[in-house]
Amino acid sequence: MRIGGIYEIVNTANGRRYIGSAVSFAARFARHKRELACGRHHCVHLQRAWNKRGPEAFAFRPLMIVREPTELRAWEQRYLDEFHP
């Protein structure tokens, strides 16, 4: 069973965060890690921080489980508005 929702990637060195949504946390986290390790992540700020600090400085955390995939974008926007990552 896939579990998805809203998640964050936190730079534990400075508290800055990336917020996103996913239908499957496991699959999305794996993709982020793969892209970051290869230097091809779409978020330039996250990629630069990853290159500087290394993978041990980042935490991948679910923030909220969303059962209806159609609601993912709306919840993601609420978190973005609240945290201003």
PDB file of N, CA and C in Angstrom:
ATOM      1  N   MET A   1       0.830  -1.183   0.000  1.00  0.00           N
ATOM      2  CA  MET A   1       0.000   0.000   0.000  1.00  0.00           C
ATOM      3  C   MET A   1       0.876   1.248   0.000  1.00  0.00           C
ATOM      4  N   ARG A   2       0.564   2.162  -0.889  1.00  0.00           N
ATOM      5  CA  ARG A   2       1.309   3.408  -0.968  1.00  0.00           C
ATOM      6  C   ARG A   2       0.746   4.408   0.042  1.00  0.00           C
ATOM      7  N   ILE A   3       1.640   5.055   0.746  1.00  0.00           N
ATOM      8  CA  ILE A   3       1.241   6.107   1.678  1.00  0.00           C
ATOM      9  C   ILE A   3       1.863   7.403   1.181  1.00  0.00           C
ATOM     10  N   GLY A   4       1.028   8.416   1.003  1.00  0.00           N
ATOM     11  CA  GLY A   4       1.516   9.682   0.489  1.00  0.00           C
ATOM     12  C   GLY A   4       0.933  10.849   1.240  1.00  0.00           C
ATOM     13  N   GLY A   5       1.365  12.016   0.837  1.00  0.00           N
ATOM     14  CA  GLY A   5       0.897  13.238   1.464  1.00  0.00           C
ATOM     15  C   GLY A   5       1.894  14.361   1.288  1.00  0.00           C
ATOM     16  N   ILE A   6       2.021  15.166   2.319  1.00  0.00           N
ATOM     17  CA  ILE A   6       2.919  16.315   2.298  1.00  0.00           C
ATOM     18  C   ILE A   6       4.179  15.955   3.090  1.00  0.00           C
ATOM     19  N   TYR A   7       5.334  16.349   2.576  1.00  0.00           N
ATOM     20  CA  TYR A   7       6.603  16.012   3.218  1.00  0.00           C
ATOM     21  C   TYR A   7       7.527  17.220   3.204  1.00  0.00           C
ATOM     22  N   GLU A   8       8.605  17.113   3.974  1.00  0.00           N
ATOM     23  CA  GLU A   8       9.640  18.138   3.960  1.00  0.00           C
ATOM     24  C   GLU A   8      11.009  17.475   3.918  1.00  0.00           C
ATOM     25  N   ILE A   9      11.933  18.196   3.330  1.00  0.00           N
ATOM     26  CA  ILE A   9      13.343  17.829   3.381  1.00  0.00           C
ATOM     27  C   ILE A   9      14.001  18.969   4.139  1.00  0.00           C
ATOM     28  N   VAL A  10      14.538  18.676   5.318  1.00  0.00           N
ATOM     29  CA  VAL A  10      15.077  19.714   6.192  1.00  0.00           C
ATOM     30  C   VAL A  10      16.598  19.660   6.218  1.00  0.00           C
ATOM     31  N   ASN A  11      17.201  20.801   6.026  1.00  0.00           N
ATOM     32  CA  ASN A  11      18.634  20.953   6.204  1.00  0.00           C
ATOM     33  C   ASN A  11      18.839  21.131   7.703  1.00  0.00           C
ATOM     34  N   THR A  12      19.333  20.107   8.370  1.00  0.00           N
ATOM     35  CA  THR A  12      19.453  20.139   9.827  1.00  0.00           C
ATOM     36  C   THR A  12      20.534  21.102  10.304  1.00  0.00           C
ATOM     37  N   ALA A  13      21.389  21.556   9.409  1.00  0.00           N
ATOM     38  CA  ALA A  13      22.435  22.503   9.780  1.00  0.00           C
ATOM     39  C   ALA A  13      21.880  23.917   9.957  1.00  0.00           C
ATOM     40  N   ASN A  14      20.850  24.270   9.169  1.00  0.00           N
ATOM     41  CA  ASN A  14      20.339  25.641   9.241  1.00  0.00           C
ATOM     42  C   ASN A  14      18.808  25.731   9.346  1.00  0.00           C
ATOM     43  N   GLY A  15      18.118  24.600   9.315  1.00  0.00           N
ATOM     44  CA  GLY A  15      16.668  24.595   9.466  1.00  0.00           C
ATOM     45  C   GLY A  15      15.879  24.931   8.220  1.00  0.00           C
ATOM     46  N   ARG A  16      16.545  25.228   7.126  1.00  0.00           N
ATOM     47  CA  ARG A  16      15.818  25.529   5.887  1.00  0.00           C
ATOM     48  C   ARG A  16      15.172  24.257   5.370  1.00  0.00           C
ATOM     49  N   ARG A  17      14.063  24.408   4.669  1.00  0.00           N
ATOM     50  CA  ARG A  17      13.319  23.228   4.247  1.00  0.00           C
ATOM     51  C   ARG A  17      12.766  23.352   2.836  1.00  0.00           C
ATOM     52  N   TYR A  18      12.579  22.196   2.253  1.00  0.00           N
ATOM     53  CA  TYR A  18      11.913  22.025   0.961  1.00  0.00           C
ATOM     54  C   TYR A  18      10.619  21.291   1.286  1.00  0.00           C
ATOM     55  N   ILE A  19       9.500  21.763   0.775  1.00  0.00           N
ATOM     56  CA  ILE A  19       8.218  21.110   1.016  1.00  0.00           C
ATOM     57  C   ILE A  19       7.648  20.642  -0.307  1.00  0.00           C
ATOM     58  N   GLY A  20       7.097  19.422  -0.292  1.00  0.00           N
ATOM     59  CA  GLY A  20       6.509  18.864  -1.495  1.00  0.00           C
ATOM     60  C   GLY A  20       5.368  17.922  -1.166  1.00  0.00           C
ATOM     61  N   SER A  21       4.790  17.364  -2.212  1.00  0.00           N
ATOM     62  CA  SER A  21       3.708  16.397  -2.046  1.00  0.00           C
ATOM     63  C   SER A  21       4.018  15.175  -2.888  1.00  0.00           C
ATOM     64  N   ALA A  22       3.477  14.042  -2.461  1.00  0.00           N
ATOM     65  CA  ALA A  22       3.739  12.787  -3.171  1.00  0.00           C
ATOM     66  C   ALA A  22       2.613  11.801  -2.946  1.00  0.00           C
ATOM     67  N   VAL A  23       2.334  11.008  -3.948  1.00  0.00           N
ATOM     68  CA  VAL A  23       1.372   9.921  -3.821  1.00  0.00           C
ATOM     69  C   VAL A  23       1.996   8.800  -2.998  1.00  0.00           C
ATOM     70  N   SER A  24       3.319   8.639  -3.111  1.00  0.00           N
ATOM     71  CA  SER A  24       4.057   7.631  -2.358  1.00  0.00           C
ATOM     72  C   SER A  24       5.303   8.268  -1.756  1.00  0.00           C
ATOM     73  N   PHE A  25       5.348   8.361  -0.415  1.00  0.00           N
ATOM     74  CA  PHE A  25       6.527   8.927   0.237  1.00  0.00           C
ATOM     75  C   PHE A  25       7.793   8.169  -0.147  1.00  0.00           C
ATOM     76  N   ALA A  26       7.740   6.862  -0.068  1.00  0.00           N
ATOM     77  CA  ALA A  26       8.934   6.046  -0.317  1.00  0.00           C
ATOM     78  C   ALA A  26       9.505   6.294  -1.707  1.00  0.00           C
ATOM     79  N   ALA A  27       8.650   6.290  -2.713  1.00  0.00           N
ATOM     80  CA  ALA A  27       9.108   6.494  -4.080  1.00  0.00           C
ATOM     81  C   ALA A  27       9.649   7.908  -4.286  1.00  0.00           C
ATOM     82  N   ARG A  28       8.976   8.886  -3.715  1.00  0.00           N
ATOM     83  CA  ARG A  28       9.401  10.273  -3.896  1.00  0.00           C
ATOM     84  C   ARG A  28      10.709  10.545  -3.165  1.00  0.00           C
ATOM     85  N   PHE A  29      10.860  10.031  -1.939  1.00  0.00           N
ATOM     86  CA  PHE A  29      12.109  10.220  -1.212  1.00  0.00           C
ATOM     87  C   PHE A  29      13.265   9.579  -1.969  1.00  0.00           C
ATOM     88  N   ALA A  30      13.042   8.394  -2.502  1.00  0.00           N
ATOM     89  CA  ALA A  30      14.088   7.704  -3.260  1.00  0.00           C
ATOM     90  C   ALA A  30      14.490   8.522  -4.489  1.00  0.00           C
ATOM     91  N   ARG A  31      13.505   9.116  -5.165  1.00  0.00           N
ATOM     92  CA  ARG A  31      13.812   9.919  -6.351  1.00  0.00           C
ATOM     93  C   ARG A  31      14.600  11.168  -5.967  1.00  0.00           C
ATOM     94  N   HIS A  32      14.180  11.862  -4.904  1.00  0.00           N
ATOM     95  CA  HIS A  32      14.936  13.033  -4.452  1.00  0.00           C
ATOM     96  C   HIS A  32      16.387  12.654  -4.170  1.00  0.00           C
ATOM     97  N   LYS A  33      16.588  11.603  -3.402  1.00  0.00           N
ATOM     98  CA  LYS A  33      17.939  11.197  -3.036  1.00  0.00           C
ATOM     99  C   LYS A  33      18.778  10.836  -4.262  1.00  0.00           C
ATOM    100  N   ARG A  34      18.167  10.135  -5.203  1.00  0.00           N
ATOM    101  CA  ARG A  34      18.880   9.752  -6.422  1.00  0.00           C
ATOM    102  C   ARG A  34      19.284  10.995  -7.221  1.00  0.00           C
ATOM    103  N   GLU A  35      18.346  11.931  -7.414  1.00  0.00           N
ATOM    104  CA  GLU A  35      18.643  13.141  -8.179  1.00  0.00           C
ATOM    105  C   GLU A  35      19.698  14.006  -7.482  1.00  0.00           C
ATOM    106  N   LEU A  36      19.594  14.121  -6.164  1.00  0.00           N
ATOM    107  CA  LEU A  36      20.584  14.906  -5.418  1.00  0.00           C
ATOM    108  C   LEU A  36      21.963  14.263  -5.490  1.00  0.00           C
ATOM    109  N   ALA A  37      22.024  12.957  -5.346  1.00  0.00           N
ATOM    110  CA  ALA A  37      23.307  12.248  -5.400  1.00  0.00           C
ATOM    111  C   ALA A  37      23.967  12.388  -6.771  1.00  0.00           C
ATOM    112  N   CYS A  38      23.146  12.477  -7.815  1.00  0.00           N
ATOM    113  CA  CYS A  38      23.668  12.614  -9.181  1.00  0.00           C
ATOM    114  C   CYS A  38      23.896  14.070  -9.578  1.00  0.00           C
ATOM    115  N   GLY A  39      23.496  15.009  -8.711  1.00  0.00           N
ATOM    116  CA  GLY A  39      23.677  16.427  -9.017  1.00  0.00           C
ATOM    117  C   GLY A  39      22.680  16.968 -10.013  1.00  0.00           C
ATOM    118  N   ARG A  40      21.485  16.347 -10.100  1.00  0.00           N
ATOM    119  CA  ARG A  40      20.496  16.745 -11.110  1.00  0.00           C
ATOM    120  C   ARG A  40      19.149  17.134 -10.505  1.00  0.00           C
ATOM    121  N   HIS A  41      19.128  17.604  -9.291  1.00  0.00           N
ATOM    122  CA  HIS A  41      17.851  17.953  -8.670  1.00  0.00           C
ATOM    123  C   HIS A  41      17.314  19.252  -9.280  1.00  0.00           C
ATOM    124  N   HIS A  42      15.995  19.341  -9.418  1.00  0.00           N
ATOM    125  CA  HIS A  42      15.376  20.511 -10.044  1.00  0.00           C
ATOM    126  C   HIS A  42      15.438  21.769  -9.178  1.00  0.00           C
ATOM    127  N   CYS A  43      15.618  21.625  -7.873  1.00  0.00           N
ATOM    128  CA  CYS A  43      15.708  22.772  -6.961  1.00  0.00           C
ATOM    129  C   CYS A  43      17.188  23.103  -6.755  1.00  0.00           C
ATOM    130  N   VAL A  44      17.625  24.173  -7.383  1.00  0.00           N
ATOM    131  CA  VAL A  44      19.041  24.551  -7.349  1.00  0.00           C
ATOM    132  C   VAL A  44      19.513  24.817  -5.922  1.00  0.00           C
ATOM    133  N   HIS A  45      18.689  25.485  -5.099  1.00  0.00           N
ATOM    134  CA  HIS A  45      19.087  25.790  -3.717  1.00  0.00           C
ATOM    135  C   HIS A  45      19.309  24.516  -2.914  1.00  0.00           C
ATOM    136  N   LEU A  46      18.400  23.553  -3.070  1.00  0.00           N
ATOM    137  CA  LEU A  46      18.540  22.283  -2.365  1.00  0.00           C
ATOM    138  C   LEU A  46      19.771  21.534  -2.856  1.00  0.00           C
ATOM    139  N   GLN A  47      19.993  21.528  -4.151  1.00  0.00           N
ATOM    140  CA  GLN A  47      21.151  20.833  -4.711  1.00  0.00           C
ATOM    141  C   GLN A  47      22.452  21.433  -4.197  1.00  0.00           C
ATOM    142  N   ARG A  48      22.533  22.757  -4.152  1.00  0.00           N
ATOM    143  CA  ARG A  48      23.762  23.400  -3.659  1.00  0.00           C
ATOM    144  C   ARG A  48      24.004  23.084  -2.188  1.00  0.00           C
ATOM    145  N   ALA A  49      22.939  23.107  -1.394  1.00  0.00           N
ATOM    146  CA  ALA A  49      23.075  22.792   0.029  1.00  0.00           C
ATOM    147  C   ALA A  49      23.505  21.341   0.213  1.00  0.00           C
ATOM    148  N   TRP A  50      22.932  20.430  -0.570  1.00  0.00           N
ATOM    149  CA  TRP A  50      23.280  19.010  -0.512  1.00  0.00           C
ATOM    150  C   TRP A  50      24.758  18.823  -0.866  1.00  0.00           C
ATOM    151  N   ASN A  51      25.202  19.512  -1.916  1.00  0.00           N
ATOM    152  CA  ASN A  51      26.602  19.416  -2.335  1.00  0.00           C
ATOM    153  C   ASN A  51      27.534  19.931  -1.245  1.00  0.00           C
ATOM    154  N   LYS A  52      27.127  20.989  -0.555  1.00  0.00           N
ATOM    155  CA  LYS A  52      27.960  21.604   0.475  1.00  0.00           C
ATOM    156  C   LYS A  52      27.974  20.787   1.766  1.00  0.00           C
ATOM    157  N   ARG A  53      26.824  20.333   2.217  1.00  0.00           N
ATOM    158  CA  ARG A  53      26.689  19.693   3.530  1.00  0.00           C
ATOM    159  C   ARG A  53      26.721  18.165   3.501  1.00  0.00           C
ATOM    160  N   GLY A  54      26.317  17.577   2.374  1.00  0.00           N
ATOM    161  CA  GLY A  54      26.265  16.124   2.271  1.00  0.00           C
ATOM    162  C   GLY A  54      24.947  15.559   2.765  1.00  0.00           C
ATOM    163  N   PRO A  55      24.660  14.317   2.417  1.00  0.00           N
ATOM    164  CA  PRO A  55      23.364  13.708   2.736  1.00  0.00           C
ATOM    165  C   PRO A  55      23.077  13.583   4.228  1.00  0.00           C
ATOM    166  N   GLU A  56      24.118  13.482   5.043  1.00  0.00           N
ATOM    167  CA  GLU A  56      23.892  13.318   6.484  1.00  0.00           C
ATOM    168  C   GLU A  56      23.296  14.573   7.129  1.00  0.00           C
ATOM    169  N   ALA A  57      23.316  15.705   6.434  1.00  0.00           N
ATOM    170  CA  ALA A  57      22.777  16.960   6.976  1.00  0.00           C
ATOM    171  C   ALA A  57      21.303  17.169   6.632  1.00  0.00           C
ATOM    172  N   PHE A  58      20.664  16.163   6.045  1.00  0.00           N
ATOM    173  CA  PHE A  58      19.275  16.322   5.618  1.00  0.00           C
ATOM    174  C   PHE A  58      18.372  15.247   6.204  1.00  0.00           C
ATOM    175  N   ALA A  59      17.173  15.670   6.565  1.00  0.00           N
ATOM    176  CA  ALA A  59      16.159  14.751   7.089  1.00  0.00           C
ATOM    177  C   ALA A  59      14.949  14.798   6.167  1.00  0.00           C
ATOM    178  N   PHE A  60      14.466  13.635   5.783  1.00  0.00           N
ATOM    179  CA  PHE A  60      13.268  13.496   4.965  1.00  0.00           C
ATOM    180  C   PHE A  60      12.129  13.119   5.894  1.00  0.00           C
ATOM    181  N   ARG A  61      11.123  14.001   6.011  1.00  0.00           N
ATOM    182  CA  ARG A  61      10.054  13.781   6.986  1.00  0.00           C
ATOM    183  C   ARG A  61       8.669  13.971   6.392  1.00  0.00           C
ATOM    184  N   PRO A  62       7.787  13.015   6.614  1.00  0.00           N
ATOM    185  CA  PRO A  62       6.383  13.233   6.260  1.00  0.00           C
ATOM    186  C   PRO A  62       5.786  14.270   7.213  1.00  0.00           C
ATOM    187  N   LEU A  63       4.962  15.173   6.697  1.00  0.00           N
ATOM    188  CA  LEU A  63       4.280  16.164   7.521  1.00  0.00           C
ATOM    189  C   LEU A  63       2.811  15.817   7.725  1.00  0.00           C
ATOM    190  N   MET A  64       2.207  15.229   6.701  1.00  0.00           N
ATOM    191  CA  MET A  64       0.784  14.943   6.753  1.00  0.00           C
ATOM    192  C   MET A  64       0.447  13.844   5.757  1.00  0.00           C
ATOM    193  N   ILE A  65      -0.333  12.890   6.180  1.00  0.00           N
ATOM    194  CA  ILE A  65      -0.819  11.855   5.264  1.00  0.00           C
ATOM    195  C   ILE A  65      -2.093  12.365   4.616  1.00  0.00           C
ATOM    196  N   VAL A  66      -2.149  12.262   3.300  1.00  0.00           N
ATOM    197  CA  VAL A  66      -3.326  12.687   2.543  1.00  0.00           C
ATOM    198  C   VAL A  66      -3.856  11.463   1.808  1.00  0.00           C
ATOM    199  N   ARG A  67      -5.059  11.081   2.111  1.00  0.00           N
ATOM    200  CA  ARG A  67      -5.647   9.861   1.539  1.00  0.00           C
ATOM    201  C   ARG A  67      -6.149  10.068   0.107  1.00  0.00           C
ATOM    202  N   GLU A  68      -6.597  11.272  -0.207  1.00  0.00           N
ATOM    203  CA  GLU A  68      -7.118  11.567  -1.542  1.00  0.00           C
ATOM    204  C   GLU A  68      -6.061  12.301  -2.366  1.00  0.00           C
ATOM    205  N   PRO A  69      -5.501  11.661  -3.390  1.00  0.00           N
ATOM    206  CA  PRO A  69      -4.473  12.310  -4.201  1.00  0.00           C
ATOM    207  C   PRO A  69      -4.927  13.641  -4.813  1.00  0.00           C
ATOM    208  N   THR A  70      -6.232  13.783  -5.047  1.00  0.00           N
ATOM    209  CA  THR A  70      -6.735  15.031  -5.627  1.00  0.00           C
ATOM    210  C   THR A  70      -6.576  16.210  -4.671  1.00  0.00           C
ATOM    211  N   GLU A  71      -6.350  15.945  -3.382  1.00  0.00           N
ATOM    212  CA  GLU A  71      -6.199  17.002  -2.393  1.00  0.00           C
ATOM    213  C   GLU A  71      -4.743  17.381  -2.130  1.00  0.00           C
ATOM    214  N   LEU A  72      -3.808  16.670  -2.760  1.00  0.00           N
ATOM    215  CA  LEU A  72      -2.391  16.899  -2.483  1.00  0.00           C
ATOM    216  C   LEU A  72      -1.953  18.335  -2.752  1.00  0.00           C
ATOM    217  N   ARG A  73      -2.283  18.868  -3.905  1.00  0.00           N
ATOM    218  CA  ARG A  73      -1.812  20.209  -4.273  1.00  0.00           C
ATOM    219  C   ARG A  73      -2.336  21.285  -3.319  1.00  0.00           C
ATOM    220  N   ALA A  74      -3.598  21.170  -2.941  1.00  0.00           N
ATOM    221  CA  ALA A  74      -4.186  22.157  -2.032  1.00  0.00           C
ATOM    222  C   ALA A  74      -3.479  22.133  -0.675  1.00  0.00           C
ATOM    223  N   TRP A  75      -3.232  20.939  -0.144  1.00  0.00           N
ATOM    224  CA  TRP A  75      -2.531  20.831   1.144  1.00  0.00           C
ATOM    225  C   TRP A  75      -1.097  21.291   1.024  1.00  0.00           C
ATOM    226  N   GLU A  76      -0.437  20.957  -0.078  1.00  0.00           N
ATOM    227  CA  GLU A  76       0.941  21.400  -0.281  1.00  0.00           C
ATOM    228  C   GLU A  76       0.999  22.926  -0.261  1.00  0.00           C
ATOM    229  N   GLN A  77       0.067  23.577  -0.942  1.00  0.00           N
ATOM    230  CA  GLN A  77       0.048  25.042  -0.978  1.00  0.00           C
ATOM    231  C   GLN A  77      -0.158  25.631   0.412  1.00  0.00           C
ATOM    232  N   ARG A  78      -0.985  25.002   1.217  1.00  0.00           N
ATOM    233  CA  ARG A  78      -1.202  25.484   2.587  1.00  0.00           C
ATOM    234  C   ARG A  78       0.092  25.434   3.399  1.00  0.00           C
ATOM    235  N   TYR A  79       0.842  24.357   3.251  1.00  0.00           N
ATOM    236  CA  TYR A  79       2.110  24.235   3.966  1.00  0.00           C
ATOM    237  C   TYR A  79       3.135  25.246   3.435  1.00  0.00           C
ATOM    238  N   LEU A  80       3.151  25.444   2.136  1.00  0.00           N
ATOM    239  CA  LEU A  80       4.065  26.429   1.558  1.00  0.00           C
ATOM    240  C   LEU A  80       3.742  27.833   2.064  1.00  0.00           C
ATOM    241  N   ASP A  81       2.453  28.150   2.133  1.00  0.00           N
ATOM    242  CA  ASP A  81       2.042  29.464   2.627  1.00  0.00           C
ATOM    243  C   ASP A  81       2.401  29.638   4.106  1.00  0.00           C
ATOM    244  N   GLU A  82       2.305  28.564   4.871  1.00  0.00           N
ATOM    245  CA  GLU A  82       2.578  28.643   6.301  1.00  0.00           C
ATOM    246  C   GLU A  82       4.072  28.737   6.613  1.00  0.00           C
ATOM    247  N   PHE A  83       4.885  27.911   5.950  1.00  0.00           N
ATOM    248  CA  PHE A  83       6.300  27.820   6.299  1.00  0.00           C
ATOM    249  C   PHE A  83       7.221  28.692   5.434  1.00  0.00           C
ATOM    250  N   HIS A  84       6.788  29.121   4.277  1.00  0.00           N
ATOM    251  CA  HIS A  84       7.610  29.935   3.369  1.00  0.00           C
ATOM    252  C   HIS A  84       9.004  29.350   3.175  1.00  0.00           C
ATOM    253  N   PRO A  85       9.066  28.105   2.705  1.00  0.00           N
ATOM    254  CA  PRO A  85      10.398  27.485   2.565  1.00  0.00           C
ATOM    255  C   PRO A  85      11.228  28.127   1.461  1.00  0.00           C
TER     256      PRO A  85
END
